[in-house]
Amino acid sequence: EERIQFGKPLIAFPRVADKIVMMAVETMIARQITYFAARAKDEGRRTDLEAGMSKLLGARVAWAAADNALQIHGGNGFALEYPVSRLLCDARILNIFEGAAEIQAQVIARRLLEGGN
């Protein structure tokens, strides 16, 4: 169902369209780095750098996308009958399950300083 504001569908507002586009772009980037890390692992290569980057970026992208989705939905974003209300909680836990962002950043920095690419 399309949400209407000021007589227009939300997608007609440039800021809403921008948010949706960036959510799609950032999700694609996070997905591609994850595929890259998985392929490297399948080939038997060391992947702590790629895996760390994938976890860090994936968690950040999930959080940003969930936050944007909540903003787009407005007050309905907090209503439990809409799935978007759960997204922010689920996105937040990713940093905990996959290691805090600071720890992932340390792993990445260590590998980069060792000469990892």
Protein backbone atom coordinates (compact mmCIF):
# COMPACT_ATOMS: atom_id res chain seq x y z
CA GLU A 1 0.00 0.00 0.00
CA GLU A 2 1.38 3.40 -0.96
CA ARG A 3 1.59 6.02 1.72
CA ILE A 4 0.33 9.45 0.65
CA GLN A 5 1.63 12.71 2.12
CA PHE A 6 0.41 16.13 0.98
CA GLY A 7 -1.55 14.45 -1.82
CA LYS A 8 1.46 12.65 -3.33
CA PRO A 9 2.93 9.17 -2.89
CA LEU A 10 6.03 9.21 -0.68
CA ILE A 11 8.24 8.00 -3.53
CA ALA A 12 7.50 11.32 -5.31
CA PHE A 13 9.53 13.16 -2.67
CA PRO A 14 13.22 13.36 -3.66
CA ARG A 15 14.55 12.67 -0.15
CA VAL A 16 12.50 9.46 0.09
CA ALA A 17 13.63 8.31 -3.35
CA ASP A 18 17.25 9.14 -2.41
CA LYS A 19 16.98 7.05 0.76
CA ILE A 20 15.57 4.07 -1.13
CA VAL A 21 18.23 4.31 -3.84
CA MET A 22 21.09 4.51 -1.33
CA MET A 23 19.64 1.59 0.64
CA ALA A 24 19.72 -0.49 -2.56
CA VAL A 25 23.23 0.63 -3.54
CA GLU A 26 24.73 0.05 -0.09
CA THR A 27 23.03 -3.34 0.20
CA MET A 28 24.48 -4.37 -3.16
CA ILE A 29 27.98 -3.29 -2.11
CA ALA A 30 27.75 -5.19 1.18
CA ARG A 31 26.45 -8.27 -0.65
CA GLN A 32 29.29 -8.15 -3.20
CA ILE A 33 32.04 -7.90 -0.58
CA THR A 34 30.43 -10.84 1.22
CA TYR A 35 30.45 -12.88 -2.00
CA PHE A 36 34.08 -11.87 -2.57
CA ALA A 37 35.07 -13.06 0.91
CA ALA A 38 33.14 -16.32 0.49
CA ARG A 39 34.79 -17.03 -2.86
CA ALA A 40 38.24 -16.39 -1.39
CA LYS A 41 37.46 -18.75 1.50
CA ASP A 42 36.22 -21.42 -0.92
CA GLU A 43 39.56 -21.10 -2.74
CA GLY A 44 41.39 -21.79 0.52
CA ARG A 45 42.78 -18.28 0.98
CA ARG A 46 43.11 -16.38 4.23
CA THR A 47 40.01 -14.19 4.54
CA ASP A 48 40.13 -12.43 7.89
CA LEU A 49 40.50 -9.05 6.14
CA GLU A 50 37.64 -9.64 3.71
CA ALA A 51 35.43 -11.29 6.32
CA GLY A 52 36.04 -8.43 8.76
CA MET A 53 35.20 -5.86 6.10
CA SER A 54 32.09 -7.79 5.15
CA LYS A 55 30.88 -8.02 8.75
CA LEU A 56 31.62 -4.38 9.51
CA LEU A 57 30.02 -3.03 6.35
CA GLY A 58 27.08 -5.43 6.45
CA ALA A 59 26.17 -4.45 10.00
CA ARG A 60 26.46 -0.73 9.24
CA VAL A 61 24.42 -1.02 6.06
CA ALA A 62 21.74 -3.03 7.85
CA TRP A 63 21.50 -0.40 10.59
CA ALA A 64 21.35 2.51 8.11
CA ALA A 65 18.74 0.76 5.96
CA ALA A 66 16.58 -0.09 8.96
CA ASP A 67 16.82 3.49 10.24
CA ASN A 68 15.89 4.88 6.81
CA ALA A 69 12.99 2.44 6.48
CA LEU A 70 11.70 3.53 9.87
CA GLN A 71 11.92 7.20 8.85
CA ILE A 72 10.12 6.53 5.58
CA HIS A 73 7.31 4.74 7.41
CA GLY A 74 7.00 7.54 9.96
CA GLY A 75 4.86 6.73 12.99
CA ASN A 76 3.78 3.44 11.40
CA GLY A 77 7.39 2.33 11.64
CA PHE A 78 6.94 1.93 15.39
CA ALA A 79 3.64 0.05 15.18
CA LEU A 80 4.12 -3.64 15.91
CA GLU A 81 1.77 -4.72 13.11
CA TYR A 82 4.30 -3.47 10.53
CA PRO A 83 7.43 -5.59 9.93
CA VAL A 84 9.62 -2.48 9.79
CA SER A 85 9.22 -2.07 13.55
CA ARG A 86 11.39 -5.16 14.07
CA LEU A 87 14.11 -4.24 11.58
CA LEU A 88 15.94 -1.76 13.79
CA CYS A 89 16.19 -4.27 16.64
CA ASP A 90 17.40 -7.00 14.30
CA ALA A 91 19.92 -4.68 12.64
CA ARG A 92 21.34 -3.52 15.96
CA ILE A 93 22.11 -7.03 17.14
CA LEU A 94 24.36 -7.66 14.12
CA ASN A 95 27.18 -5.66 15.70
CA ILE A 96 26.91 -7.83 18.79
CA PHE A 97 26.62 -11.21 17.08
CA GLU A 98 29.34 -10.51 14.52
CA GLY A 99 31.66 -8.73 16.93
CA ALA A 100 31.55 -5.08 17.86
CA ALA A 101 32.39 -2.64 15.07
CA GLU A 102 35.49 -1.56 16.98
CA ILE A 103 36.79 -5.15 17.10
CA GLN A 104 36.12 -5.65 13.39
CA ALA A 105 37.97 -2.39 12.70
CA GLN A 106 40.96 -3.63 14.73
CA VAL A 107 41.06 -6.89 12.76
CA ILE A 108 40.92 -4.97 9.49
CA ALA A 109 43.57 -2.45 10.54
CA ARG A 110 45.91 -5.20 11.75
CA ARG A 111 45.62 -7.06 8.43
CA LEU A 112 46.12 -3.88 6.41
CA LEU A 113 49.26 -3.04 8.37
CA GLU A 114 50.55 -6.57 7.73
CA GLY A 115 50.26 -5.86 4.03
CA GLY A 116 46.89 -7.47 3.34
CA ASN A 117 44.99 -6.15 0.34
